[in-house]
Amino acid sequence: MIIAIIIIAILVLLLLIWFAMYNGLVKKRNAVNEAYAQIDTQLQRRGDLIPNLVATVKGYANHEAKVFHDIAELRSATDRARATGNVQDASQADAVFGRTMATLRATAEAYPELQASRNFQQLQEELASTENKVGFARQHYNASTNTYNTAIQSVPTNIVASVHGFRPFGFFQVEESKRQAPDVSF
C-alpha cells in the first residue's frame, strides 16, 4: 500500500513539473509575441509620423519629390511587410525604410530654412524618439526570442516543447548588406 502511495505521489509530482514547464513555455512564447507586437506598434507610429514630416518638408523643398515619393512607397511596403506577420519581411522593410530616412535627413541638412521650421524640428524630434523606441522594441523582441528559444532547446523543457509543438522564433535582424550607411548625393 505504501509503495502505491509513493508511486502515485511521484507521478503527481512529475505531472505538476510537466505542467509548470508547459506553462513556462507558453508564457515565454507569449512574451515573444508581445515583443513583436511592440515592434509593430512602433513601426506603425513611425509610419503615421512620416506623412506629417513629408508634408512639412514638401513645403520647403518641392523639387525633392523623388525622396518623398520613395518614402511614401516605403511606408506602404513596410505596412505590407508588417501585415504578413513575418519577422524577416518586417526586418528587411525596416532596414530599407531607415536608409531612406537617412536620405531625408540629409535633404533637410541641405536646406537651412527647412531646419529653421518649428514644425519640422518638432517632427524630427518625434521621429528620432520613435526611432529609439523602434530600436528598443527590436532589442526587447530579440531578448524575448532568445529566452524562449533557449527554453525550448534546454533539457528537460525541450521534451515538453517537442511534445507540444513549440517551435523557435527568428530574430529581428538586418541583412549584412543593409547595415552600411547609405550614400547620399545631390
C-alpha atoms as a PDB file:
ATOM      1  CA  MET A   1       0.000   0.000   0.000  1.00  0.00           C
ATOM      2  CA  ILE A   2       2.804   2.451   0.876  1.00  0.00           C
ATOM      3  CA  ILE A   3       4.566   1.677  -2.397  1.00  0.00           C
ATOM      4  CA  ALA A   4       1.386   2.524  -4.338  1.00  0.00           C
ATOM      5  CA  ILE A   5       1.079   5.854  -2.494  1.00  0.00           C
ATOM      6  CA  ILE A   6       4.743   6.676  -3.204  1.00  0.00           C
ATOM      7  CA  ILE A   7       4.307   5.825  -6.894  1.00  0.00           C
ATOM      8  CA  ILE A   8       1.156   7.955  -7.117  1.00  0.00           C
ATOM      9  CA  ALA A   9       2.915  10.824  -5.308  1.00  0.00           C
ATOM     10  CA  ILE A  10       5.861  10.610  -7.724  1.00  0.00           C
ATOM     11  CA  LEU A  11       3.507  10.575 -10.725  1.00  0.00           C
ATOM     12  CA  VAL A  12       1.583  13.584  -9.389  1.00  0.00           C
ATOM     13  CA  LEU A  13       4.871  15.420  -8.779  1.00  0.00           C
ATOM     14  CA  LEU A  14       6.071  14.633 -12.302  1.00  0.00           C
ATOM     15  CA  LEU A  15       2.744  15.780 -13.707  1.00  0.00           C
ATOM     16  CA  LEU A  16       2.991  19.055 -11.776  1.00  0.00           C
ATOM     17  CA  ILE A  17       6.537  19.581 -13.046  1.00  0.00           C
ATOM     18  CA  TRP A  18       5.315  18.896 -16.610  1.00  0.00           C
ATOM     19  CA  PHE A  19       2.523  21.458 -16.213  1.00  0.00           C
ATOM     20  CA  ALA A  20       4.937  24.020 -14.802  1.00  0.00           C
ATOM     21  CA  MET A  21       7.337  23.576 -17.733  1.00  0.00           C
ATOM     22  CA  TYR A  22       4.491  23.786 -20.261  1.00  0.00           C
ATOM     23  CA  ASN A  23       3.078  26.929 -18.663  1.00  0.00           C
ATOM     24  CA  GLY A  24       6.558  28.478 -18.581  1.00  0.00           C
ATOM     25  CA  LEU A  25       6.973  27.833 -22.305  1.00  0.00           C
ATOM     26  CA  VAL A  26       3.566  29.327 -23.060  1.00  0.00           C
ATOM     27  CA  LYS A  27       4.479  32.411 -21.040  1.00  0.00           C
ATOM     28  CA  LYS A  28       7.776  32.816 -22.904  1.00  0.00           C
ATOM     29  CA  ARG A  29       6.091  32.311 -26.295  1.00  0.00           C
ATOM     30  CA  ASN A  30       3.505  34.944 -25.417  1.00  0.00           C
ATOM     31  CA  ALA A  31       6.310  37.325 -24.368  1.00  0.00           C
ATOM     32  CA  VAL A  32       7.880  36.928 -27.827  1.00  0.00           C
ATOM     33  CA  ASN A  33       4.534  37.610 -29.498  1.00  0.00           C
ATOM     34  CA  GLU A  34       4.019  40.676 -27.309  1.00  0.00           C
ATOM     35  CA  ALA A  35       7.508  41.934 -28.120  1.00  0.00           C
ATOM     36  CA  TYR A  36       6.807  41.575 -31.850  1.00  0.00           C
ATOM     37  CA  ALA A  37       3.557  43.477 -31.371  1.00  0.00           C
ATOM     38  CA  GLN A  38       5.569  46.297 -29.783  1.00  0.00           C
ATOM     39  CA  ILE A  39       7.819  46.454 -32.848  1.00  0.00           C
ATOM     40  CA  ASP A  40       4.688  46.548 -34.984  1.00  0.00           C
ATOM     41  CA  THR A  41       3.245  49.359 -32.848  1.00  0.00           C
ATOM     42  CA  GLN A  42       6.399  51.449 -33.093  1.00  0.00           C
ATOM     43  CA  LEU A  43       6.687  50.894 -36.846  1.00  0.00           C
ATOM     44  CA  GLN A  44       3.052  51.977 -37.211  1.00  0.00           C
ATOM     45  CA  ARG A  45       3.775  55.059 -35.091  1.00  0.00           C
ATOM     46  CA  ARG A  46       6.728  55.876 -37.293  1.00  0.00           C
ATOM     47  CA  GLY A  47       4.629  55.337 -40.400  1.00  0.00           C
ATOM     48  CA  ASP A  48       1.979  57.704 -39.067  1.00  0.00           C
ATOM     49  CA  LEU A  49       4.570  60.411 -38.439  1.00  0.00           C
ATOM     50  CA  ILE A  50       6.059  60.253 -41.905  1.00  0.00           C
ATOM     51  CA  PRO A  51       3.170  61.926 -43.766  1.00  0.00           C
ATOM     52  CA  ASN A  52       3.406  64.900 -41.384  1.00  0.00           C
ATOM     53  CA  LEU A  53       7.147  65.134 -41.868  1.00  0.00           C
ATOM     54  CA  VAL A  54       6.808  64.772 -45.614  1.00  0.00           C
ATOM     55  CA  ALA A  55       4.132  67.483 -45.798  1.00  0.00           C
ATOM     56  CA  THR A  56       6.337  69.871 -43.823  1.00  0.00           C
ATOM     57  CA  VAL A  57       9.406  69.140 -45.901  1.00  0.00           C
ATOM     58  CA  LYS A  58       7.452  69.392 -49.148  1.00  0.00           C
ATOM     59  CA  GLY A  59       6.512  72.935 -48.256  1.00  0.00           C
ATOM     60  CA  TYR A  60      10.203  73.854 -48.283  1.00  0.00           C
ATOM     61  CA  ALA A  61      11.715  71.544 -50.844  1.00  0.00           C
ATOM     62  CA  ASN A  62       9.256  70.766 -53.620  1.00  0.00           C
ATOM     63  CA  HIS A  63      11.984  69.808 -56.067  1.00  0.00           C
ATOM     64  CA  GLU A  64      12.934  66.782 -53.932  1.00  0.00           C
ATOM     65  CA  ALA A  65       9.743  64.983 -54.947  1.00  0.00           C
ATOM     66  CA  LYS A  66      11.537  61.704 -55.619  1.00  0.00           C
ATOM     67  CA  VAL A  67      12.579  61.402 -51.966  1.00  0.00           C
ATOM     68  CA  PHE A  68       9.009  61.970 -50.844  1.00  0.00           C
ATOM     69  CA  HIS A  69       7.632  59.521 -53.366  1.00  0.00           C
ATOM     70  CA  ASP A  70      10.159  56.916 -52.223  1.00  0.00           C
ATOM     71  CA  ILE A  71       9.187  57.472 -48.595  1.00  0.00           C
ATOM     72  CA  ALA A  72       5.503  57.033 -49.378  1.00  0.00           C
ATOM     73  CA  GLU A  73       6.289  53.840 -51.291  1.00  0.00           C
ATOM     74  CA  LEU A  74       8.452  52.546 -48.460  1.00  0.00           C
ATOM     75  CA  ARG A  75       5.772  53.275 -45.912  1.00  0.00           C
ATOM     76  CA  SER A  76       3.357  51.176 -47.971  1.00  0.00           C
ATOM     77  CA  ALA A  77       5.948  48.406 -48.330  1.00  0.00           C
ATOM     78  CA  THR A  78       6.601  48.481 -44.581  1.00  0.00           C
ATOM     79  CA  ASP A  79       2.874  48.270 -43.865  1.00  0.00           C
ATOM     80  CA  ARG A  80       2.543  45.294 -46.239  1.00  0.00           C
ATOM     81  CA  ALA A  81       5.542  43.550 -44.645  1.00  0.00           C
ATOM     82  CA  ARG A  82       4.169  44.106 -41.144  1.00  0.00           C
ATOM     83  CA  ALA A  83       0.785  42.756 -42.231  1.00  0.00           C
ATOM     84  CA  THR A  84       2.359  39.413 -43.156  1.00  0.00           C
ATOM     85  CA  GLY A  85       3.494  38.893 -39.567  1.00  0.00           C
ATOM     86  CA  ASN A  86       6.792  37.570 -40.932  1.00  0.00           C
ATOM     87  CA  VAL A  87       9.750  38.826 -38.900  1.00  0.00           C
ATOM     88  CA  GLN A  88      12.163  38.639 -41.852  1.00  0.00           C
ATOM     89  CA  ASP A  89       9.874  40.670 -44.143  1.00  0.00           C
ATOM     90  CA  ALA A  90       9.336  43.320 -41.468  1.00  0.00           C
ATOM     91  CA  SER A  91      13.060  43.413 -40.706  1.00  0.00           C
ATOM     92  CA  GLN A  92      14.010  43.931 -44.350  1.00  0.00           C
ATOM     93  CA  ALA A  93      11.373  46.608 -44.915  1.00  0.00           C
ATOM     94  CA  ASP A  94      12.509  48.361 -41.750  1.00  0.00           C
ATOM     95  CA  ALA A  95      16.128  48.419 -42.949  1.00  0.00           C
ATOM     96  CA  VAL A  96      15.221  49.960 -46.304  1.00  0.00           C
ATOM     97  CA  PHE A  97      12.968  52.482 -44.573  1.00  0.00           C
ATOM     98  CA  GLY A  98      15.798  53.510 -42.231  1.00  0.00           C
ATOM     99  CA  ARG A  99      18.178  54.153 -45.128  1.00  0.00           C
ATOM    100  CA  THR A 100      15.599  56.306 -46.891  1.00  0.00           C
ATOM    101  CA  MET A 101      15.026  58.295 -43.705  1.00  0.00           C
ATOM    102  CA  ALA A 102      18.764  58.992 -43.631  1.00  0.00           C
ATOM    103  CA  THR A 103      18.417  60.444 -47.126  1.00  0.00           C
ATOM    104  CA  LEU A 104      15.536  62.617 -45.951  1.00  0.00           C
ATOM    105  CA  ARG A 105      17.620  63.911 -43.050  1.00  0.00           C
ATOM    106  CA  ALA A 106      20.426  64.721 -45.485  1.00  0.00           C
ATOM    107  CA  THR A 107      17.915  66.651 -47.611  1.00  0.00           C
ATOM    108  CA  ALA A 108      16.880  68.629 -44.561  1.00  0.00           C
ATOM    109  CA  GLU A 109      20.507  69.464 -43.802  1.00  0.00           C
ATOM    110  CA  ALA A 110      20.910  70.819 -47.329  1.00  0.00           C
ATOM    111  CA  TYR A 111      18.131  73.372 -46.724  1.00  0.00           C
ATOM    112  CA  PRO A 112      18.786  75.580 -43.674  1.00  0.00           C
ATOM    113  CA  GLU A 113      15.378  77.263 -43.957  1.00  0.00           C
ATOM    114  CA  LEU A 114      13.801  73.827 -43.559  1.00  0.00           C
ATOM    115  CA  GLN A 115      15.758  73.223 -40.376  1.00  0.00           C
ATOM    116  CA  ALA A 116      14.504  76.539 -39.045  1.00  0.00           C
ATOM    117  CA  SER A 117      10.864  75.460 -39.369  1.00  0.00           C
ATOM    118  CA  ARG A 118       9.428  74.831 -35.904  1.00  0.00           C
ATOM    119  CA  ASN A 119       7.085  72.141 -37.244  1.00  0.00           C
ATOM    120  CA  PHE A 120       9.949  70.368 -38.942  1.00  0.00           C
ATOM    121  CA  GLN A 121      12.056  70.464 -35.777  1.00  0.00           C
ATOM    122  CA  GLN A 122       9.223  69.040 -33.698  1.00  0.00           C
ATOM    123  CA  LEU A 123       8.537  66.304 -36.207  1.00  0.00           C
ATOM    124  CA  GLN A 124      12.209  65.439 -36.452  1.00  0.00           C
ATOM    125  CA  GLU A 125      12.481  65.188 -32.672  1.00  0.00           C
ATOM    126  CA  GLU A 126       9.424  62.967 -32.614  1.00  0.00           C
ATOM    127  CA  LEU A 127      10.847  60.834 -35.394  1.00  0.00           C
ATOM    128  CA  ALA A 128      14.173  60.495 -33.558  1.00  0.00           C
ATOM    129  CA  SER A 129      12.279  59.462 -30.429  1.00  0.00           C
ATOM    130  CA  THR A 130      10.305  56.942 -32.438  1.00  0.00           C
ATOM    131  CA  GLU A 131      13.474  55.523 -33.983  1.00  0.00           C
ATOM    132  CA  ASN A 132      14.820  54.986 -30.454  1.00  0.00           C
ATOM    133  CA  LYS A 133      11.582  53.262 -29.473  1.00  0.00           C
ATOM    134  CA  VAL A 134      11.789  51.028 -32.552  1.00  0.00           C
ATOM    135  CA  GLY A 135      15.356  50.125 -31.575  1.00  0.00           C
ATOM    136  CA  PHE A 136      14.347  49.311 -28.010  1.00  0.00           C
ATOM    137  CA  ALA A 137      11.382  47.265 -29.269  1.00  0.00           C
ATOM    138  CA  ARG A 138      13.738  45.269 -31.524  1.00  0.00           C
ATOM    139  CA  GLN A 139      16.095  44.649 -28.598  1.00  0.00           C
ATOM    140  CA  HIS A 140      13.208  43.521 -26.393  1.00  0.00           C
ATOM    141  CA  TYR A 141      11.919  41.185 -29.116  1.00  0.00           C
ATOM    142  CA  ASN A 142      15.334  39.630 -29.637  1.00  0.00           C
ATOM    143  CA  ALA A 143      15.855  39.216 -25.879  1.00  0.00           C
ATOM    144  CA  SER A 144      12.436  37.576 -25.517  1.00  0.00           C
ATOM    145  CA  THR A 145      13.151  35.367 -28.519  1.00  0.00           C
ATOM    146  CA  ASN A 146      16.488  34.327 -27.034  1.00  0.00           C
ATOM    147  CA  THR A 147      14.879  33.420 -23.696  1.00  0.00           C
ATOM    148  CA  TYR A 148      12.134  31.422 -25.400  1.00  0.00           C
ATOM    149  CA  ASN A 149      14.447  29.646 -27.865  1.00  0.00           C
ATOM    150  CA  THR A 150      16.832  28.740 -25.044  1.00  0.00           C
ATOM    151  CA  ALA A 151      13.952  27.299 -23.018  1.00  0.00           C
ATOM    152  CA  ILE A 152      12.676  25.087 -25.841  1.00  0.00           C
ATOM    153  CA  GLN A 153      16.192  23.816 -26.522  1.00  0.00           C
ATOM    154  CA  SER A 154      17.194  23.148 -22.907  1.00  0.00           C
ATOM    155  CA  VAL A 155      16.722  19.907 -21.025  1.00  0.00           C
ATOM    156  CA  PRO A 156      14.143  18.998 -19.725  1.00  0.00           C
ATOM    157  CA  THR A 157      11.834  21.627 -21.241  1.00  0.00           C
ATOM    158  CA  ASN A 158      12.915  20.571 -24.734  1.00  0.00           C
ATOM    159  CA  ILE A 159      10.947  17.346 -24.184  1.00  0.00           C
ATOM    160  CA  VAL A 160       7.799  19.271 -23.266  1.00  0.00           C
ATOM    161  CA  ALA A 161       8.387  21.670 -26.173  1.00  0.00           C
ATOM    162  CA  SER A 162       8.742  18.895 -28.742  1.00  0.00           C
ATOM    163  CA  VAL A 163       5.688  17.007 -27.457  1.00  0.00           C
ATOM    164  CA  HIS A 164       3.524  20.140 -27.621  1.00  0.00           C
ATOM    165  CA  GLY A 165       4.911  21.532 -30.896  1.00  0.00           C
ATOM    166  CA  PHE A 166       6.740  24.636 -29.639  1.00  0.00           C
ATOM    167  CA  ARG A 167       8.907  25.976 -32.472  1.00  0.00           C
ATOM    168  CA  PRO A 168      11.741  28.528 -32.317  1.00  0.00           C
ATOM    169  CA  PHE A 169      11.223  32.129 -33.380  1.00  0.00           C
ATOM    170  CA  GLY A 170      13.598  34.001 -35.688  1.00  0.00           C
ATOM    171  CA  PHE A 171      15.479  37.058 -34.513  1.00  0.00           C
ATOM    172  CA  PHE A 172      14.722  40.535 -35.874  1.00  0.00           C
ATOM    173  CA  GLN A 173      17.831  41.118 -37.979  1.00  0.00           C
ATOM    174  CA  VAL A 174      19.100  43.474 -40.607  1.00  0.00           C
ATOM    175  CA  GLU A 175      20.864  41.902 -43.569  1.00  0.00           C
ATOM    176  CA  GLU A 176      24.616  42.487 -43.615  1.00  0.00           C
ATOM    177  CA  SER A 177      24.433  44.445 -46.874  1.00  0.00           C
ATOM    178  CA  LYS A 178      21.864  46.802 -45.349  1.00  0.00           C
ATOM    179  CA  ARG A 179      23.907  47.675 -42.255  1.00  0.00           C
ATOM    180  CA  GLN A 180      26.104  50.167 -44.065  1.00  0.00           C
ATOM    181  CA  ALA A 181      25.217  53.833 -44.059  1.00  0.00           C
ATOM    182  CA  PRO A 182      23.565  54.942 -47.304  1.00  0.00           C
ATOM    183  CA  ASP A 183      25.386  57.099 -49.813  1.00  0.00           C
ATOM    184  CA  VAL A 184      23.674  60.457 -50.084  1.00  0.00           C
ATOM    185  CA  SER A 185      24.325  62.681 -53.060  1.00  0.00           C
ATOM    186  CA  PHE A 186      22.510  65.607 -54.580  1.00  0.00           C
END
